[in-house]
Structures are given as structure tokens and as C-alpha cells.
């Protein structure tokens, strides 16, 4: 079992009540549910930040697509003549 550390957070009463109901319905502890939720959030935000950095690096290297090309492509979605995605 991985090492854990205690964390204290303040949540609104309504969220706590919903968390208690969820814990009871799933036979899980509030602590377990909170740890899972925090873990999922941290993973998701980490992936987002990685994607942002990847985009920044692409821009620094000049690997970009003109706004107008992207706009034309997006405007073609759902039509009879959908365009292929623009290339770098």
C-alpha cells in the first residue's frame, strides 16, 4: 500500500452531505472518495498543463497553423464538403 499523508480541507456543508450519501451508497469512506477525487483532479490538471507546455513549445518552434485556416476548417464541419484539418 502506498504511503499516505493526512490533508485537511474545508468544504461546504452541502458538499459534505452529498459526500456522506455517496460514501454510504458506495460502501466507501469519505476519505477514500476524497482521495480518489483529488487524485483524478491532479492527474487531469497535470495532463492539461503538459498539453499547454507542448503547445507553447510548438509555438516557440514555429509549428503553428494560421487562425484563418483553422476557422475555415471548423466552419466546414457538418457540411457536405468538410475540409481536412490544416497542416502545420
PDB file of N, CA and C in Angstrom:
ATOM      1  N   UNK A   1       0.845  -1.185   0.000  1.00  0.00           N
ATOM      2  CA  UNK A   1       0.000   0.000   0.000  1.00  0.00           C
ATOM      3  C   UNK A   1       0.886   1.243   0.000  1.00  0.00           C
ATOM      4  N   UNK A   2       0.608   2.195  -0.898  1.00  0.00           N
ATOM      5  CA  UNK A   2       1.458   3.389  -0.953  1.00  0.00           C
ATOM      6  C   UNK A   2       1.335   4.222   0.323  1.00  0.00           C
ATOM      7  N   UNK A   3       2.384   4.927   0.631  1.00  0.00           N
ATOM      8  CA  UNK A   3       2.369   5.811   1.789  1.00  0.00           C
ATOM      9  C   UNK A   3       1.363   6.929   1.564  1.00  0.00           C
ATOM     10  N   UNK A   4       0.735   7.357   2.628  1.00  0.00           N
ATOM     11  CA  UNK A   4      -0.240   8.437   2.536  1.00  0.00           C
ATOM     12  C   UNK A   4       0.088   9.507   3.560  1.00  0.00           C
ATOM     13  N   UNK A   5      -0.469  10.680   3.353  1.00  0.00           N
ATOM     14  CA  UNK A   5      -0.331  11.772   4.311  1.00  0.00           C
ATOM     15  C   UNK A   5      -1.716  12.361   4.561  1.00  0.00           C
ATOM     16  N   UNK A   6      -1.964  12.832   5.754  1.00  0.00           N
ATOM     17  CA  UNK A   6      -3.261  13.457   6.019  1.00  0.00           C
ATOM     18  C   UNK A   6      -3.318  14.858   5.415  1.00  0.00           C
ATOM     19  N   UNK A   7      -4.489  15.220   4.918  1.00  0.00           N
ATOM     20  CA  UNK A   7      -4.735  16.552   4.373  1.00  0.00           C
ATOM     21  C   UNK A   7      -6.062  17.036   4.937  1.00  0.00           C
ATOM     22  N   UNK A   8      -6.107  18.274   5.350  1.00  0.00           N
ATOM     23  CA  UNK A   8      -7.343  18.847   5.871  1.00  0.00           C
ATOM     24  C   UNK A   8      -7.856  19.874   4.875  1.00  0.00           C
ATOM     25  N   UNK A   9      -9.119  19.744   4.508  1.00  0.00           N
ATOM     26  CA  UNK A   9      -9.735  20.715   3.604  1.00  0.00           C
ATOM     27  C   UNK A   9     -11.085  21.133   4.167  1.00  0.00           C
ATOM     28  N   UNK A  10     -11.477  22.318   3.835  1.00  0.00           N
ATOM     29  CA  UNK A  10     -12.811  22.800   4.210  1.00  0.00           C
ATOM     30  C   UNK A  10     -13.688  22.733   2.975  1.00  0.00           C
ATOM     31  N   UNK A  11     -14.847  22.122   3.137  1.00  0.00           N
ATOM     32  CA  UNK A  11     -15.800  22.022   2.036  1.00  0.00           C
ATOM     33  C   UNK A  11     -17.153  22.533   2.515  1.00  0.00           C
ATOM     34  N   UNK A  12     -17.976  23.016   1.601  1.00  0.00           N
ATOM     35  CA  UNK A  12     -19.300  23.481   2.003  1.00  0.00           C
ATOM     36  C   UNK A  12     -20.128  22.345   2.629  1.00  0.00           C
ATOM     37  N   UNK A  13     -21.000  22.705   3.539  1.00  0.00           N
ATOM     38  CA  UNK A  13     -21.841  21.733   4.229  1.00  0.00           C
ATOM     39  C   UNK A  13     -22.604  20.876   3.221  1.00  0.00           C
ATOM     40  N   UNK A  14     -23.153  21.494   2.187  1.00  0.00           N
ATOM     41  CA  UNK A  14     -23.921  20.748   1.189  1.00  0.00           C
ATOM     42  C   UNK A  14     -23.059  19.683   0.506  1.00  0.00           C
ATOM     43  N   UNK A  15     -21.819  20.029   0.186  1.00  0.00           N
ATOM     44  CA  UNK A  15     -20.916  19.057  -0.451  1.00  0.00           C
ATOM     45  C   UNK A  15     -20.626  17.916   0.518  1.00  0.00           C
ATOM     46  N   UNK A  16     -20.427  18.245   1.778  1.00  0.00           N
ATOM     47  CA  UNK A  16     -20.178  17.211   2.777  1.00  0.00           C
ATOM     48  C   UNK A  16     -21.374  16.266   2.896  1.00  0.00           C
ATOM     49  N   UNK A  17     -22.569  16.811   2.884  1.00  0.00           N
ATOM     50  CA  UNK A  17     -23.770  15.970   2.978  1.00  0.00           C
ATOM     51  C   UNK A  17     -23.869  15.039   1.773  1.00  0.00           C
ATOM     52  N   UNK A  18     -23.578  15.566   0.597  1.00  0.00           N
ATOM     53  CA  UNK A  18     -23.608  14.735  -0.607  1.00  0.00           C
ATOM     54  C   UNK A  18     -22.505  13.682  -0.565  1.00  0.00           C
ATOM     55  N   UNK A  19     -21.343  14.065  -0.058  1.00  0.00           N
ATOM     56  CA  UNK A  19     -20.233  13.129   0.076  1.00  0.00           C
ATOM     57  C   UNK A  19     -20.604  11.999   1.038  1.00  0.00           C
ATOM     58  N   UNK A  20     -21.253  12.341   2.139  1.00  0.00           N
ATOM     59  CA  UNK A  20     -21.689  11.320   3.095  1.00  0.00           C
ATOM     60  C   UNK A  20     -22.667  10.344   2.452  1.00  0.00           C
ATOM     61  N   UNK A  21     -23.626  10.869   1.685  1.00  0.00           N
ATOM     62  CA  UNK A  21     -24.597   9.989   0.999  1.00  0.00           C
ATOM     63  C   UNK A  21     -23.891   9.092  -0.007  1.00  0.00           C
ATOM     64  N   UNK A  22     -22.941   9.662  -0.746  1.00  0.00           N
ATOM     65  CA  UNK A  22     -22.190   8.889  -1.729  1.00  0.00           C
ATOM     66  C   UNK A  22     -21.357   7.802  -1.049  1.00  0.00           C
ATOM     67  N   UNK A  23     -20.732   8.150   0.063  1.00  0.00           N
ATOM     68  CA  UNK A  23     -19.936   7.173   0.806  1.00  0.00           C
ATOM     69  C   UNK A  23     -20.814   6.015   1.274  1.00  0.00           C
ATOM     70  N   UNK A  24     -21.974   6.342   1.785  1.00  0.00           N
ATOM     71  CA  UNK A  24     -22.886   5.296   2.249  1.00  0.00           C
ATOM     72  C   UNK A  24     -23.367   4.427   1.086  1.00  0.00           C
ATOM     73  N   UNK A  25     -23.720   5.056  -0.011  1.00  0.00           N
ATOM     74  CA  UNK A  25     -24.251   4.327  -1.166  1.00  0.00           C
ATOM     75  C   UNK A  25     -23.209   3.426  -1.815  1.00  0.00           C
ATOM     76  N   UNK A  26     -21.936   3.804  -1.706  1.00  0.00           N
ATOM     77  CA  UNK A  26     -20.875   3.036  -2.371  1.00  0.00           C
ATOM     78  C   UNK A  26     -20.080   2.159  -1.400  1.00  0.00           C
ATOM     79  N   UNK A  27     -20.452   2.214  -0.133  1.00  0.00           N
ATOM     80  CA  UNK A  27     -19.722   1.472   0.908  1.00  0.00           C
ATOM     81  C   UNK A  27     -18.240   1.848   0.931  1.00  0.00           C
ATOM     82  N   UNK A  28     -17.966   3.100   0.689  1.00  0.00           N
ATOM     83  CA  UNK A  28     -16.611   3.649   0.754  1.00  0.00           C
ATOM     84  C   UNK A  28     -16.582   4.720   1.830  1.00  0.00           C
ATOM     85  N   UNK A  29     -15.409   5.014   2.320  1.00  0.00           N
ATOM     86  CA  UNK A  29     -15.295   6.091   3.302  1.00  0.00           C
ATOM     87  C   UNK A  29     -15.245   7.439   2.584  1.00  0.00           C
ATOM     88  N   UNK A  30     -15.616   8.481   3.319  1.00  0.00           N
ATOM     89  CA  UNK A  30     -15.490   9.827   2.755  1.00  0.00           C
ATOM     90  C   UNK A  30     -14.036  10.108   2.405  1.00  0.00           C
ATOM     91  N   UNK A  31     -13.136   9.643   3.236  1.00  0.00           N
ATOM     92  CA  UNK A  31     -11.715   9.854   2.996  1.00  0.00           C
ATOM     93  C   UNK A  31     -11.277   9.193   1.695  1.00  0.00           C
ATOM     94  N   UNK A  32     -11.731   7.973   1.446  1.00  0.00           N
ATOM     95  CA  UNK A  32     -11.363   7.267   0.220  1.00  0.00           C
ATOM     96  C   UNK A  32     -11.902   8.013  -0.996  1.00  0.00           C
ATOM     97  N   UNK A  33     -13.173   8.429  -0.915  1.00  0.00           N
ATOM     98  CA  UNK A  33     -13.765   9.159  -2.046  1.00  0.00           C
ATOM     99  C   UNK A  33     -13.037  10.474  -2.298  1.00  0.00           C
ATOM    100  N   UNK A  34     -12.700  11.184  -1.238  1.00  0.00           N
ATOM    101  CA  UNK A  34     -11.998  12.457  -1.392  1.00  0.00           C
ATOM    102  C   UNK A  34     -10.616  12.235  -2.003  1.00  0.00           C
ATOM    103  N   UNK A  35      -9.913  11.197  -1.545  1.00  0.00           N
ATOM    104  CA  UNK A  35      -8.589  10.910  -2.096  1.00  0.00           C
ATOM    105  C   UNK A  35      -8.679  10.561  -3.576  1.00  0.00           C
ATOM    106  N   UNK A  36      -9.686   9.782  -3.954  1.00  0.00           N
ATOM    107  CA  UNK A  36      -9.882   9.441  -5.371  1.00  0.00           C
ATOM    108  C   UNK A  36     -10.176  10.689  -6.193  1.00  0.00           C
ATOM    109  N   UNK A  37     -11.043  11.555  -5.680  1.00  0.00           N
ATOM    110  CA  UNK A  37     -11.399  12.784  -6.403  1.00  0.00           C
ATOM    111  C   UNK A  37     -10.190  13.694  -6.558  1.00  0.00           C
ATOM    112  N   UNK A  38      -9.424  13.855  -5.503  1.00  0.00           N
ATOM    113  CA  UNK A  38      -8.228  14.707  -5.578  1.00  0.00           C
ATOM    114  C   UNK A  38      -7.222  14.114  -6.546  1.00  0.00           C
ATOM    115  N   UNK A  39      -7.032  12.801  -6.486  1.00  0.00           N
ATOM    116  CA  UNK A  39      -6.107  12.146  -7.409  1.00  0.00           C
ATOM    117  C   UNK A  39      -6.510  12.344  -8.855  1.00  0.00           C
ATOM    118  N   UNK A  40      -7.806  12.181  -9.140  1.00  0.00           N
ATOM    119  CA  UNK A  40      -8.299  12.361 -10.511  1.00  0.00           C
ATOM    120  C   UNK A  40      -8.092  13.808 -10.965  1.00  0.00           C
ATOM    121  N   UNK A  41      -8.362  14.756 -10.082  1.00  0.00           N
ATOM    122  CA  UNK A  41      -8.184  16.164 -10.422  1.00  0.00           C
ATOM    123  C   UNK A  41      -6.718  16.482 -10.708  1.00  0.00           C
ATOM    124  N   UNK A  42      -5.834  15.988  -9.857  1.00  0.00           N
ATOM    125  CA  UNK A  42      -4.401  16.255 -10.028  1.00  0.00           C
ATOM    126  C   UNK A  42      -3.900  15.646 -11.338  1.00  0.00           C
ATOM    127  N   UNK A  43      -4.330  14.427 -11.645  1.00  0.00           N
ATOM    128  CA  UNK A  43      -3.924  13.800 -12.919  1.00  0.00           C
ATOM    129  C   UNK A  43      -4.442  14.618 -14.102  1.00  0.00           C
ATOM    130  N   UNK A  44      -5.700  15.012 -14.056  1.00  0.00           N
ATOM    131  CA  UNK A  44      -6.301  15.770 -15.153  1.00  0.00           C
ATOM    132  C   UNK A  44      -5.606  17.119 -15.346  1.00  0.00           C
ATOM    133  N   UNK A  45      -5.396  17.829 -14.272  1.00  0.00           N
ATOM    134  CA  UNK A  45      -4.736  19.135 -14.376  1.00  0.00           C
ATOM    135  C   UNK A  45      -3.299  18.985 -14.844  1.00  0.00           C
ATOM    136  N   UNK A  46      -2.636  17.929 -14.410  1.00  0.00           N
ATOM    137  CA  UNK A  46      -1.268  17.673 -14.867  1.00  0.00           C
ATOM    138  C   UNK A  46      -1.232  17.432 -16.366  1.00  0.00           C
ATOM    139  N   UNK A  47      -2.182  16.653 -16.869  1.00  0.00           N
ATOM    140  CA  UNK A  47      -2.254  16.404 -18.312  1.00  0.00           C
ATOM    141  C   UNK A  47      -2.537  17.702 -19.065  1.00  0.00           C
ATOM    142  N   UNK A  48      -3.414  18.534 -18.512  1.00  0.00           N
ATOM    143  CA  UNK A  48      -3.719  19.820 -19.142  1.00  0.00           C
ATOM    144  C   UNK A  48      -2.468  20.695 -19.212  1.00  0.00           C
ATOM    145  N   UNK A  49      -1.755  20.793 -18.099  1.00  0.00           N
ATOM    146  CA  UNK A  49      -0.546  21.613 -18.085  1.00  0.00           C
ATOM    147  C   UNK A  49       0.513  21.069 -19.036  1.00  0.00           C
ATOM    148  N   UNK A  50       0.614  19.748 -19.135  1.00  0.00           N
ATOM    149  CA  UNK A  50       1.547  19.150 -20.097  1.00  0.00           C
ATOM    150  C   UNK A  50       1.158  19.532 -21.528  1.00  0.00           C
ATOM    151  N   UNK A  51      -0.142  19.508 -21.833  1.00  0.00           N
ATOM    152  CA  UNK A  51      -0.607  19.866 -23.176  1.00  0.00           C
ATOM    153  C   UNK A  51      -0.350  21.344 -23.467  1.00  0.00           C
ATOM    154  N   UNK A  52      -0.560  22.193 -22.478  1.00  0.00           N
ATOM    155  CA  UNK A  52      -0.280  23.624 -22.658  1.00  0.00           C
ATOM    156  C   UNK A  52       1.200  23.829 -22.954  1.00  0.00           C
ATOM    157  N   UNK A  53       2.060  23.165 -22.194  1.00  0.00           N
ATOM    158  CA  UNK A  53       3.503  23.307 -22.425  1.00  0.00           C
ATOM    159  C   UNK A  53       3.880  22.777 -23.796  1.00  0.00           C
ATOM    160  N   UNK A  54       3.259  21.684 -24.228  1.00  0.00           N
ATOM    161  CA  UNK A  54       3.521  21.152 -25.567  1.00  0.00           C
ATOM    162  C   UNK A  54       3.140  22.187 -26.627  1.00  0.00           C
ATOM    163  N   UNK A  55       2.016  22.859 -26.432  1.00  0.00           N
ATOM    164  CA  UNK A  55       1.594  23.903 -27.362  1.00  0.00           C
ATOM    165  C   UNK A  55       2.538  25.092 -27.361  1.00  0.00           C
ATOM    166  N   UNK A  56       2.982  25.471 -26.186  1.00  0.00           N
ATOM    167  CA  UNK A  56       3.947  26.579 -26.097  1.00  0.00           C
ATOM    168  C   UNK A  56       5.248  26.231 -26.814  1.00  0.00           C
ATOM    169  N   UNK A  57       5.703  25.001 -26.625  1.00  0.00           N
ATOM    170  CA  UNK A  57       6.934  24.564 -27.291  1.00  0.00           C
ATOM    171  C   UNK A  57       6.744  24.568 -28.801  1.00  0.00           C
ATOM    172  N   UNK A  58       5.599  24.100 -29.262  1.00  0.00           N
ATOM    173  CA  UNK A  58       5.316  24.097 -30.702  1.00  0.00           C
ATOM    174  C   UNK A  58       5.338  25.532 -31.241  1.00  0.00           C
ATOM    175  N   UNK A  59       4.761  26.467 -30.496  1.00  0.00           N
ATOM    176  CA  UNK A  59       4.747  27.868 -30.935  1.00  0.00           C
ATOM    177  C   UNK A  59       6.164  28.430 -30.978  1.00  0.00           C
ATOM    178  N   UNK A  60       6.965  28.107 -29.963  1.00  0.00           N
ATOM    179  CA  UNK A  60       8.363  28.588 -29.953  1.00  0.00           C
ATOM    180  C   UNK A  60       9.130  28.059 -31.161  1.00  0.00           C
ATOM    181  N   UNK A  61       8.785  26.847 -31.600  1.00  0.00           N
ATOM    182  CA  UNK A  61       9.465  26.233 -32.746  1.00  0.00           C
ATOM    183  C   UNK A  61       8.823  26.605 -34.073  1.00  0.00           C
ATOM    184  N   UNK A  62       7.783  27.426 -34.028  1.00  0.00           N
ATOM    185  CA  UNK A  62       7.131  27.851 -35.259  1.00  0.00           C
ATOM    186  C   UNK A  62       6.166  26.835 -35.842  1.00  0.00           C
ATOM    187  N   UNK A  63       5.833  25.815 -35.083  1.00  0.00           N
ATOM    188  CA  UNK A  63       4.893  24.798 -35.563  1.00  0.00           C
ATOM    189  C   UNK A  63       3.477  25.255 -35.221  1.00  0.00           C
ATOM    190  N   UNK A  64       2.963  26.154 -36.060  1.00  0.00           N
ATOM    191  CA  UNK A  64       1.640  26.727 -35.831  1.00  0.00           C
ATOM    192  C   UNK A  64       0.818  26.663 -37.110  1.00  0.00           C
ATOM    193  N   UNK A  65      -0.471  26.907 -36.965  1.00  0.00           N
ATOM    194  CA  UNK A  65      -1.387  26.978 -38.102  1.00  0.00           C
ATOM    195  C   UNK A  65      -2.103  28.317 -38.002  1.00  0.00           C
ATOM    196  N   UNK A  66      -2.225  29.006 -39.109  1.00  0.00           N
ATOM    197  CA  UNK A  66      -2.874  30.317 -39.128  1.00  0.00           C
ATOM    198  C   UNK A  66      -4.333  30.201 -38.674  1.00  0.00           C
ATOM    199  N   UNK A  67      -4.763  31.186 -37.933  1.00  0.00           N
ATOM    200  CA  UNK A  67      -6.128  31.221 -37.405  1.00  0.00           C
ATOM    201  C   UNK A  67      -7.159  31.048 -38.519  1.00  0.00           C
ATOM    202  N   UNK A  68      -6.972  31.753 -39.601  1.00  0.00           N
ATOM    203  CA  UNK A  68      -7.949  31.705 -40.698  1.00  0.00           C
ATOM    204  C   UNK A  68      -8.072  30.286 -41.268  1.00  0.00           C
ATOM    205  N   UNK A  69      -6.976  29.553 -41.355  1.00  0.00           N
ATOM    206  CA  UNK A  69      -7.035  28.175 -41.860  1.00  0.00           C
ATOM    207  C   UNK A  69      -7.837  27.282 -40.912  1.00  0.00           C
ATOM    208  N   UNK A  70      -7.610  27.461 -39.624  1.00  0.00           N
ATOM    209  CA  UNK A  70      -8.355  26.671 -38.634  1.00  0.00           C
ATOM    210  C   UNK A  70      -9.829  27.037 -38.684  1.00  0.00           C
ATOM    211  N   UNK A  71     -10.111  28.330 -38.810  1.00  0.00           N
ATOM    212  CA  UNK A  71     -11.506  28.806 -38.873  1.00  0.00           C
ATOM    213  C   UNK A  71     -12.234  28.198 -40.061  1.00  0.00           C
ATOM    214  N   UNK A  72     -11.608  28.195 -41.231  1.00  0.00           N
ATOM    215  CA  UNK A  72     -12.225  27.604 -42.424  1.00  0.00           C
ATOM    216  C   UNK A  72     -12.516  26.124 -42.193  1.00  0.00           C
ATOM    217  N   UNK A  73     -11.563  25.435 -41.587  1.00  0.00           N
ATOM    218  CA  UNK A  73     -11.739  24.009 -41.309  1.00  0.00           C
ATOM    219  C   UNK A  73     -12.910  23.779 -40.357  1.00  0.00           C
ATOM    220  N   UNK A  74     -12.944  24.536 -39.270  1.00  0.00           N
ATOM    221  CA  UNK A  74     -14.028  24.378 -38.301  1.00  0.00           C
ATOM    222  C   UNK A  74     -15.386  24.738 -38.906  1.00  0.00           C
ATOM    223  N   UNK A  75     -15.417  25.775 -39.707  1.00  0.00           N
ATOM    224  CA  UNK A  75     -16.670  26.169 -40.357  1.00  0.00           C
ATOM    225  C   UNK A  75     -17.179  25.107 -41.315  1.00  0.00           C
ATOM    226  N   UNK A  76     -16.293  24.246 -41.798  1.00  0.00           N
ATOM    227  CA  UNK A  76     -16.706  23.215 -42.748  1.00  0.00           C
ATOM    228  C   UNK A  76     -17.303  21.983 -42.054  1.00  0.00           C
ATOM    229  N   UNK A  77     -17.137  21.895 -40.754  1.00  0.00           N
ATOM    230  CA  UNK A  77     -17.631  20.721 -40.017  1.00  0.00           C
ATOM    231  C   UNK A  77     -19.138  20.574 -40.180  1.00  0.00           C
ATOM    232  N   UNK A  78     -19.573  19.362 -40.423  1.00  0.00           N
ATOM    233  CA  UNK A  78     -21.003  19.071 -40.522  1.00  0.00           C
ATOM    234  C   UNK A  78     -21.603  19.404 -41.860  1.00  0.00           C
ATOM    235  N   UNK A  79     -20.828  19.971 -42.748  1.00  0.00           N
ATOM    236  CA  UNK A  79     -21.334  20.298 -44.075  1.00  0.00           C
ATOM    237  C   UNK A  79     -21.061  19.190 -45.059  1.00  0.00           C
ATOM    238  N   UNK A  80     -21.508  19.401 -46.276  1.00  0.00           N
ATOM    239  CA  UNK A  80     -21.305  18.407 -47.333  1.00  0.00           C
ATOM    240  C   UNK A  80     -19.857  18.343 -47.800  1.00  0.00           C
ATOM    241  N   UNK A  81     -19.110  19.406 -47.573  1.00  0.00           N
ATOM    242  CA  UNK A  81     -17.730  19.477 -48.072  1.00  0.00           C
ATOM    243  C   UNK A  81     -16.773  19.784 -46.927  1.00  0.00           C
ATOM    244  N   UNK A  82     -16.732  18.872 -45.946  1.00  0.00           N
ATOM    245  CA  UNK A  82     -15.849  19.075 -44.800  1.00  0.00           C
ATOM    246  C   UNK A  82     -14.393  19.023 -45.257  1.00  0.00           C
ATOM    247  N   UNK A  83     -13.651  20.009 -44.809  1.00  0.00           N
ATOM    248  CA  UNK A  83     -12.228  20.110 -45.192  1.00  0.00           C
ATOM    249  C   UNK A  83     -11.372  19.232 -44.273  1.00  0.00           C
ATOM    250  N   UNK A  84     -10.211  18.804 -44.784  1.00  0.00           N
ATOM    251  CA  UNK A  84      -9.278  18.079 -43.921  1.00  0.00           C
ATOM    252  C   UNK A  84      -8.642  19.079 -42.939  1.00  0.00           C
ATOM    253  N   UNK A  85      -8.151  18.597 -41.813  1.00  0.00           N
ATOM    254  CA  UNK A  85      -7.513  19.507 -40.871  1.00  0.00           C
ATOM    255  C   UNK A  85      -6.306  20.190 -41.498  1.00  0.00           C
ATOM    256  N   UNK A  86      -6.103  21.465 -41.182  1.00  0.00           N
ATOM    257  CA  UNK A  86      -4.946  22.157 -41.743  1.00  0.00           C
ATOM    258  C   UNK A  86      -3.647  21.577 -41.208  1.00  0.00           C
ATOM    259  N   UNK A  87      -2.624  21.620 -42.016  1.00  0.00           N
ATOM    260  CA  UNK A  87      -1.309  21.114 -41.626  1.00  0.00           C
ATOM    261  C   UNK A  87      -0.454  22.249 -41.102  1.00  0.00           C
ATOM    262  N   UNK A  88       0.565  21.885 -40.343  1.00  0.00           N
ATOM    263  CA  UNK A  88       1.500  22.889 -39.811  1.00  0.00           C
ATOM    264  C   UNK A  88       2.225  23.570 -40.935  1.00  0.00           C
TER     265      UNK A  88
END
